[in-house]
């Protein structure tokens, strides 16, 4: 059984929510490509490619939408 690393989507602030969204994206990449060695090799290609960087930002934005909704958009 996998370790529980995501007990909740609830965060105290939008900034914390964005950080969680970024973590969700990073964990998704690690689960998709479990080899750190291969991820390191691929990083050299995408860190210089604006299209791939924009795609990464889009994934984070989608996760942030989910986190924001789970937090009722941080309304009181």
PDB file of N, CA and C in Angstrom:
ATOM      1  N   UNK A   1       0.840  -1.176   0.000  1.00  0.00           N
ATOM      2  CA  UNK A   1       0.000   0.000   0.000  1.00  0.00           C
ATOM      3  C   UNK A   1       0.890   1.245   0.000  1.00  0.00           C
ATOM      4  N   UNK A   2       0.471   2.239  -0.759  1.00  0.00           N
ATOM      5  CA  UNK A   2       1.239   3.478  -0.867  1.00  0.00           C
ATOM      6  C   UNK A   2       1.130   4.303   0.411  1.00  0.00           C
ATOM      7  N   UNK A   3       2.194   5.050   0.679  1.00  0.00           N
ATOM      8  CA  UNK A   3       2.213   5.941   1.831  1.00  0.00           C
ATOM      9  C   UNK A   3       1.202   7.070   1.613  1.00  0.00           C
ATOM     10  N   UNK A   4       0.472   7.428   2.668  1.00  0.00           N
ATOM     11  CA  UNK A   4      -0.470   8.535   2.579  1.00  0.00           C
ATOM     12  C   UNK A   4       0.297   9.844   2.708  1.00  0.00           C
ATOM     13  N   UNK A   5       0.316  10.626   1.652  1.00  0.00           N
ATOM     14  CA  UNK A   5       1.027  11.899   1.666  1.00  0.00           C
ATOM     15  C   UNK A   5       0.058  13.068   1.467  1.00  0.00           C
ATOM     16  N   UNK A   6      -1.197  12.748   1.153  1.00  0.00           N
ATOM     17  CA  UNK A   6      -2.185  13.797   0.882  1.00  0.00           C
ATOM     18  C   UNK A   6      -3.427  13.559   1.734  1.00  0.00           C
ATOM     19  N   UNK A   7      -3.372  13.962   2.995  1.00  0.00           N
ATOM     20  CA  UNK A   7      -4.513  13.712   3.877  1.00  0.00           C
ATOM     21  C   UNK A   7      -5.716  14.592   3.561  1.00  0.00           C
ATOM     22  N   UNK A   8      -5.486  15.726   2.892  1.00  0.00           N
ATOM     23  CA  UNK A   8      -6.580  16.653   2.621  1.00  0.00           C
ATOM     24  C   UNK A   8      -6.173  17.644   1.545  1.00  0.00           C
ATOM     25  N   UNK A   9      -7.167  18.176   0.851  1.00  0.00           N
ATOM     26  CA  UNK A   9      -6.925  19.272  -0.077  1.00  0.00           C
ATOM     27  C   UNK A   9      -7.128  20.623   0.598  1.00  0.00           C
ATOM     28  N   UNK A  10      -7.521  20.608   1.849  1.00  0.00           N
ATOM     29  CA  UNK A  10      -7.764  21.847   2.595  1.00  0.00           C
ATOM     30  C   UNK A  10      -6.439  22.540   2.895  1.00  0.00           C
ATOM     31  N   UNK A  11      -6.392  23.843   2.654  1.00  0.00           N
ATOM     32  CA  UNK A  11      -5.223  24.645   2.973  1.00  0.00           C
ATOM     33  C   UNK A  11      -5.685  25.934   3.634  1.00  0.00           C
ATOM     34  N   UNK A  12      -4.781  26.548   4.370  1.00  0.00           N
ATOM     35  CA  UNK A  12      -5.136  27.760   5.113  1.00  0.00           C
ATOM     36  C   UNK A  12      -5.266  28.986   4.217  1.00  0.00           C
ATOM     37  N   UNK A  13      -4.455  29.050   3.170  1.00  0.00           N
ATOM     38  CA  UNK A  13      -4.421  30.238   2.323  1.00  0.00           C
ATOM     39  C   UNK A  13      -4.335  29.849   0.852  1.00  0.00           C
ATOM     40  N   UNK A  14      -4.646  30.785  -0.035  1.00  0.00           N
ATOM     41  CA  UNK A  14      -4.455  30.502  -1.460  1.00  0.00           C
ATOM     42  C   UNK A  14      -2.998  30.181  -1.807  1.00  0.00           C
ATOM     43  N   UNK A  15      -2.049  30.852  -1.152  1.00  0.00           N
ATOM     44  CA  UNK A  15      -0.640  30.543  -1.428  1.00  0.00           C
ATOM     45  C   UNK A  15      -0.320  29.099  -1.044  1.00  0.00           C
ATOM     46  N   UNK A  16      -0.811  28.663   0.117  1.00  0.00           N
ATOM     47  CA  UNK A  16      -0.623  27.263   0.506  1.00  0.00           C
ATOM     48  C   UNK A  16      -1.289  26.344  -0.515  1.00  0.00           C
ATOM     49  N   UNK A  17      -2.432  26.765  -1.031  1.00  0.00           N
ATOM     50  CA  UNK A  17      -3.131  25.982  -2.048  1.00  0.00           C
ATOM     51  C   UNK A  17      -2.325  25.868  -3.328  1.00  0.00           C
ATOM     52  N   UNK A  18      -1.689  26.958  -3.723  1.00  0.00           N
ATOM     53  CA  UNK A  18      -0.856  26.928  -4.921  1.00  0.00           C
ATOM     54  C   UNK A  18       0.344  26.011  -4.716  1.00  0.00           C
ATOM     55  N   UNK A  19       0.930  26.069  -3.535  1.00  0.00           N
ATOM     56  CA  UNK A  19       2.059  25.181  -3.226  1.00  0.00           C
ATOM     57  C   UNK A  19       1.618  23.721  -3.255  1.00  0.00           C
ATOM     58  N   UNK A  20       0.407  23.450  -2.761  1.00  0.00           N
ATOM     59  CA  UNK A  20      -0.122  22.090  -2.832  1.00  0.00           C
ATOM     60  C   UNK A  20      -0.355  21.685  -4.290  1.00  0.00           C
ATOM     61  N   UNK A  21      -0.881  22.584  -5.098  1.00  0.00           N
ATOM     62  CA  UNK A  21      -1.102  22.286  -6.516  1.00  0.00           C
ATOM     63  C   UNK A  21       0.213  21.948  -7.206  1.00  0.00           C
ATOM     64  N   UNK A  22       1.267  22.680  -6.870  1.00  0.00           N
ATOM     65  CA  UNK A  22       2.577  22.413  -7.442  1.00  0.00           C
ATOM     66  C   UNK A  22       3.072  21.037  -7.001  1.00  0.00           C
ATOM     67  N   UNK A  23       2.855  20.715  -5.737  1.00  0.00           N
ATOM     68  CA  UNK A  23       3.262  19.395  -5.243  1.00  0.00           C
ATOM     69  C   UNK A  23       2.480  18.287  -5.941  1.00  0.00           C
ATOM     70  N   UNK A  24       1.192  18.500  -6.160  1.00  0.00           N
ATOM     71  CA  UNK A  24       0.386  17.506  -6.868  1.00  0.00           C
ATOM     72  C   UNK A  24       0.962  17.241  -8.257  1.00  0.00           C
ATOM     73  N   UNK A  25       1.354  18.298  -8.942  1.00  0.00           N
ATOM     74  CA  UNK A  25       1.936  18.137 -10.272  1.00  0.00           C
ATOM     75  C   UNK A  25       3.250  17.358 -10.200  1.00  0.00           C
ATOM     76  N   UNK A  26       4.079  17.698  -9.213  1.00  0.00           N
ATOM     77  CA  UNK A  26       5.374  17.029  -9.086  1.00  0.00           C
ATOM     78  C   UNK A  26       5.202  15.551  -8.738  1.00  0.00           C
ATOM     79  N   UNK A  27       4.284  15.253  -7.843  1.00  0.00           N
ATOM     80  CA  UNK A  27       4.044  13.862  -7.476  1.00  0.00           C
ATOM     81  C   UNK A  27       3.490  13.093  -8.679  1.00  0.00           C
ATOM     82  N   UNK A  28       2.645  13.751  -9.457  1.00  0.00           N
ATOM     83  CA  UNK A  28       2.124  13.102 -10.667  1.00  0.00           C
ATOM     84  C   UNK A  28       3.238  12.708 -11.622  1.00  0.00           C
ATOM     85  N   UNK A  29       4.213  13.580 -11.777  1.00  0.00           N
ATOM     86  CA  UNK A  29       5.361  13.269 -12.646  1.00  0.00           C
ATOM     87  C   UNK A  29       6.144  12.093 -12.069  1.00  0.00           C
ATOM     88  N   UNK A  30       6.364  12.105 -10.756  1.00  0.00           N
ATOM     89  CA  UNK A  30       7.127  11.011 -10.130  1.00  0.00           C
ATOM     90  C   UNK A  30       6.410   9.674 -10.263  1.00  0.00           C
ATOM     91  N   UNK A  31       5.088   9.693 -10.166  1.00  0.00           N
ATOM     92  CA  UNK A  31       4.340   8.442 -10.324  1.00  0.00           C
ATOM     93  C   UNK A  31       4.343   7.971 -11.770  1.00  0.00           C
ATOM     94  N   UNK A  32       4.329   8.930 -12.706  1.00  0.00           N
ATOM     95  CA  UNK A  32       4.346   8.588 -14.126  1.00  0.00           C
ATOM     96  C   UNK A  32       5.716   8.081 -14.551  1.00  0.00           C
ATOM     97  N   UNK A  33       6.771   8.729 -14.039  1.00  0.00           N
ATOM     98  CA  UNK A  33       8.148   8.322 -14.353  1.00  0.00           C
ATOM     99  C   UNK A  33       8.894   8.136 -13.030  1.00  0.00           C
ATOM    100  N   UNK A  34       8.846   6.911 -12.480  1.00  0.00           N
ATOM    101  CA  UNK A  34       9.444   6.683 -11.164  1.00  0.00           C
ATOM    102  C   UNK A  34      10.975   6.757 -11.127  1.00  0.00           C
ATOM    103  N   UNK A  35      11.635   6.714 -12.255  1.00  0.00           N
ATOM    104  CA  UNK A  35      13.103   6.744 -12.272  1.00  0.00           C
ATOM    105  C   UNK A  35      13.608   8.183 -12.149  1.00  0.00           C
ATOM    106  N   UNK A  36      14.263   8.480 -11.031  1.00  0.00           N
ATOM    107  CA  UNK A  36      14.851   9.809 -10.836  1.00  0.00           C
ATOM    108  C   UNK A  36      15.922  10.083 -11.892  1.00  0.00           C
ATOM    109  N   UNK A  37      16.638   9.077 -12.273  1.00  0.00           N
ATOM    110  CA  UNK A  37      17.689   9.242 -13.281  1.00  0.00           C
ATOM    111  C   UNK A  37      17.096   9.689 -14.618  1.00  0.00           C
ATOM    112  N   UNK A  38      16.028   9.061 -15.020  1.00  0.00           N
ATOM    113  CA  UNK A  38      15.387   9.434 -16.288  1.00  0.00           C
ATOM    114  C   UNK A  38      14.771  10.831 -16.176  1.00  0.00           C
ATOM    115  N   UNK A  39      14.114  11.133 -15.032  1.00  0.00           N
ATOM    116  CA  UNK A  39      13.551  12.480 -14.852  1.00  0.00           C
ATOM    117  C   UNK A  39      14.638  13.536 -14.955  1.00  0.00           C
ATOM    118  N   UNK A  40      15.796  13.278 -14.361  1.00  0.00           N
ATOM    119  CA  UNK A  40      16.906  14.226 -14.434  1.00  0.00           C
ATOM    120  C   UNK A  40      17.372  14.428 -15.875  1.00  0.00           C
ATOM    121  N   UNK A  41      17.421  13.350 -16.647  1.00  0.00           N
ATOM    122  CA  UNK A  41      17.825  13.459 -18.052  1.00  0.00           C
ATOM    123  C   UNK A  41      16.798  14.259 -18.846  1.00  0.00           C
ATOM    124  N   UNK A  42      15.525  14.021 -18.590  1.00  0.00           N
ATOM    125  CA  UNK A  42      14.470  14.725 -19.319  1.00  0.00           C
ATOM    126  C   UNK A  42      14.416  16.208 -18.954  1.00  0.00           C
ATOM    127  N   UNK A  43      14.766  16.526 -17.722  1.00  0.00           N
ATOM    128  CA  UNK A  43      14.715  17.927 -17.261  1.00  0.00           C
ATOM    129  C   UNK A  43      15.555  18.836 -18.150  1.00  0.00           C
ATOM    130  N   UNK A  44      16.706  18.351 -18.587  1.00  0.00           N
ATOM    131  CA  UNK A  44      17.581  19.161 -19.440  1.00  0.00           C
ATOM    132  C   UNK A  44      16.870  19.577 -20.727  1.00  0.00           C
ATOM    133  N   UNK A  45      15.992  18.739 -21.230  1.00  0.00           N
ATOM    134  CA  UNK A  45      15.262  19.071 -22.463  1.00  0.00           C
ATOM    135  C   UNK A  45      14.128  20.046 -22.198  1.00  0.00           C
ATOM    136  N   UNK A  46      13.328  19.802 -21.165  1.00  0.00           N
ATOM    137  CA  UNK A  46      12.154  20.656 -20.993  1.00  0.00           C
ATOM    138  C   UNK A  46      12.451  21.981 -20.319  1.00  0.00           C
ATOM    139  N   UNK A  47      13.549  22.098 -19.587  1.00  0.00           N
ATOM    140  CA  UNK A  47      13.821  23.375 -18.923  1.00  0.00           C
ATOM    141  C   UNK A  47      14.194  24.472 -19.911  1.00  0.00           C
ATOM    142  N   UNK A  48      14.497  24.103 -21.139  1.00  0.00           N
ATOM    143  CA  UNK A  48      14.829  25.070 -22.190  1.00  0.00           C
ATOM    144  C   UNK A  48      13.710  25.206 -23.224  1.00  0.00           C
ATOM    145  N   UNK A  49      12.600  24.542 -23.015  1.00  0.00           N
ATOM    146  CA  UNK A  49      11.512  24.503 -23.996  1.00  0.00           C
ATOM    147  C   UNK A  49      10.294  25.238 -23.439  1.00  0.00           C
ATOM    148  N   UNK A  50      10.013  26.403 -23.965  1.00  0.00           N
ATOM    149  CA  UNK A  50       8.907  27.210 -23.434  1.00  0.00           C
ATOM    150  C   UNK A  50       7.561  26.508 -23.564  1.00  0.00           C
ATOM    151  N   UNK A  51       7.364  25.737 -24.606  1.00  0.00           N
ATOM    152  CA  UNK A  51       6.099  25.022 -24.770  1.00  0.00           C
ATOM    153  C   UNK A  51       5.889  24.021 -23.644  1.00  0.00           C
ATOM    154  N   UNK A  52       6.931  23.285 -23.290  1.00  0.00           N
ATOM    155  CA  UNK A  52       6.824  22.312 -22.211  1.00  0.00           C
ATOM    156  C   UNK A  52       6.674  22.995 -20.855  1.00  0.00           C
ATOM    157  N   UNK A  53       7.333  24.128 -20.671  1.00  0.00           N
ATOM    158  CA  UNK A  53       7.194  24.868 -19.413  1.00  0.00           C
ATOM    159  C   UNK A  53       5.775  25.411 -19.258  1.00  0.00           C
ATOM    160  N   UNK A  54       5.201  25.904 -20.343  1.00  0.00           N
ATOM    161  CA  UNK A  54       3.816  26.379 -20.307  1.00  0.00           C
ATOM    162  C   UNK A  54       2.879  25.220 -20.005  1.00  0.00           C
ATOM    163  N   UNK A  55       3.129  24.064 -20.589  1.00  0.00           N
ATOM    164  CA  UNK A  55       2.299  22.888 -20.313  1.00  0.00           C
ATOM    165  C   UNK A  55       2.383  22.516 -18.836  1.00  0.00           C
ATOM    166  N   UNK A  56       3.555  22.606 -18.249  1.00  0.00           N
ATOM    167  CA  UNK A  56       3.710  22.331 -16.820  1.00  0.00           C
ATOM    168  C   UNK A  56       2.888  23.313 -15.990  1.00  0.00           C
ATOM    169  N   UNK A  57       2.929  24.577 -16.389  1.00  0.00           N
ATOM    170  CA  UNK A  57       2.141  25.592 -15.683  1.00  0.00           C
ATOM    171  C   UNK A  57       0.645  25.305 -15.796  1.00  0.00           C
ATOM    172  N   UNK A  58       0.223  24.810 -16.944  1.00  0.00           N
ATOM    173  CA  UNK A  58      -1.193  24.471 -17.127  1.00  0.00           C
ATOM    174  C   UNK A  58      -1.616  23.337 -16.196  1.00  0.00           C
ATOM    175  N   UNK A  59      -0.766  22.350 -16.022  1.00  0.00           N
ATOM    176  CA  UNK A  59      -1.074  21.246 -15.110  1.00  0.00           C
ATOM    177  C   UNK A  59      -1.219  21.781 -13.685  1.00  0.00           C
ATOM    178  N   UNK A  60      -0.304  22.649 -13.276  1.00  0.00           N
ATOM    179  CA  UNK A  60      -0.395  23.237 -11.933  1.00  0.00           C
ATOM    180  C   UNK A  60      -1.675  24.042 -11.801  1.00  0.00           C
ATOM    181  N   UNK A  61      -2.030  24.800 -12.835  1.00  0.00           N
ATOM    182  CA  UNK A  61      -3.255  25.604 -12.793  1.00  0.00           C
ATOM    183  C   UNK A  61      -4.496  24.728 -12.641  1.00  0.00           C
ATOM    184  N   UNK A  62      -4.524  23.604 -13.310  1.00  0.00           N
ATOM    185  CA  UNK A  62      -5.660  22.685 -13.184  1.00  0.00           C
ATOM    186  C   UNK A  62      -5.740  22.143 -11.757  1.00  0.00           C
ATOM    187  N   UNK A  63      -4.606  21.762 -11.204  1.00  0.00           N
ATOM    188  CA  UNK A  63      -4.593  21.297  -9.814  1.00  0.00           C
ATOM    189  C   UNK A  63      -5.024  22.412  -8.864  1.00  0.00           C
ATOM    190  N   UNK A  64      -4.592  23.639  -9.142  1.00  0.00           N
ATOM    191  CA  UNK A  64      -4.973  24.765  -8.282  1.00  0.00           C
ATOM    192  C   UNK A  64      -6.482  24.992  -8.323  1.00  0.00           C
ATOM    193  N   UNK A  65      -7.101  24.821  -9.473  1.00  0.00           N
ATOM    194  CA  UNK A  65      -8.562  24.931  -9.563  1.00  0.00           C
ATOM    195  C   UNK A  65      -9.231  23.916  -8.643  1.00  0.00           C
ATOM    196  N   UNK A  66      -8.714  22.710  -8.629  1.00  0.00           N
ATOM    197  CA  UNK A  66      -9.271  21.664  -7.778  1.00  0.00           C
ATOM    198  C   UNK A  66      -9.100  22.009  -6.299  1.00  0.00           C
ATOM    199  N   UNK A  67      -7.904  22.448  -5.928  1.00  0.00           N
ATOM    200  CA  UNK A  67      -7.635  22.804  -4.530  1.00  0.00           C
ATOM    201  C   UNK A  67      -8.499  23.996  -4.118  1.00  0.00           C
ATOM    202  N   UNK A  68      -8.603  24.990  -4.989  1.00  0.00           N
ATOM    203  CA  UNK A  68      -9.423  26.176  -4.673  1.00  0.00           C
ATOM    204  C   UNK A  68     -10.880  25.787  -4.460  1.00  0.00           C
ATOM    205  N   UNK A  69     -11.396  24.929  -5.303  1.00  0.00           N
ATOM    206  CA  UNK A  69     -12.786  24.484  -5.139  1.00  0.00           C
ATOM    207  C   UNK A  69     -12.956  23.718  -3.828  1.00  0.00           C
ATOM    208  N   UNK A  70     -11.986  22.884  -3.485  1.00  0.00           N
ATOM    209  CA  UNK A  70     -12.058  22.123  -2.236  1.00  0.00           C
ATOM    210  C   UNK A  70     -12.035  23.031  -1.023  1.00  0.00           C
ATOM    211  N   UNK A  71     -11.471  24.216  -1.189  1.00  0.00           N
ATOM    212  CA  UNK A  71     -11.381  25.182  -0.096  1.00  0.00           C
ATOM    213  C   UNK A  71     -12.433  26.281  -0.200  1.00  0.00           C
ATOM    214  N   UNK A  72     -13.463  26.024  -1.014  1.00  0.00           N
ATOM    215  CA  UNK A  72     -14.532  26.999  -1.226  1.00  0.00           C
ATOM    216  C   UNK A  72     -13.936  28.362  -1.580  1.00  0.00           C
ATOM    217  N   UNK A  73     -12.870  28.316  -2.334  1.00  0.00           N
ATOM    218  CA  UNK A  73     -12.182  29.527  -2.811  1.00  0.00           C
ATOM    219  C   UNK A  73     -11.792  30.443  -1.650  1.00  0.00           C
ATOM    220  N   UNK A  74     -11.517  29.846  -0.517  1.00  0.00           N
ATOM    221  CA  UNK A  74     -11.063  30.519   0.702  1.00  0.00           C
ATOM    222  C   UNK A  74     -12.038  31.605   1.188  1.00  0.00           C
ATOM    223  N   UNK A  75     -13.322  31.364   0.915  1.00  0.00           N
ATOM    224  CA  UNK A  75     -14.339  32.272   1.426  1.00  0.00           C
ATOM    225  C   UNK A  75     -14.567  31.985   2.889  1.00  0.00           C
ATOM    226  N   UNK A  76     -14.928  33.005   3.635  1.00  0.00           N
ATOM    227  CA  UNK A  76     -15.233  32.824   5.058  1.00  0.00           C
ATOM    228  C   UNK A  76     -16.638  32.308   5.231  1.00  0.00           C
TER     229      UNK A  76
END
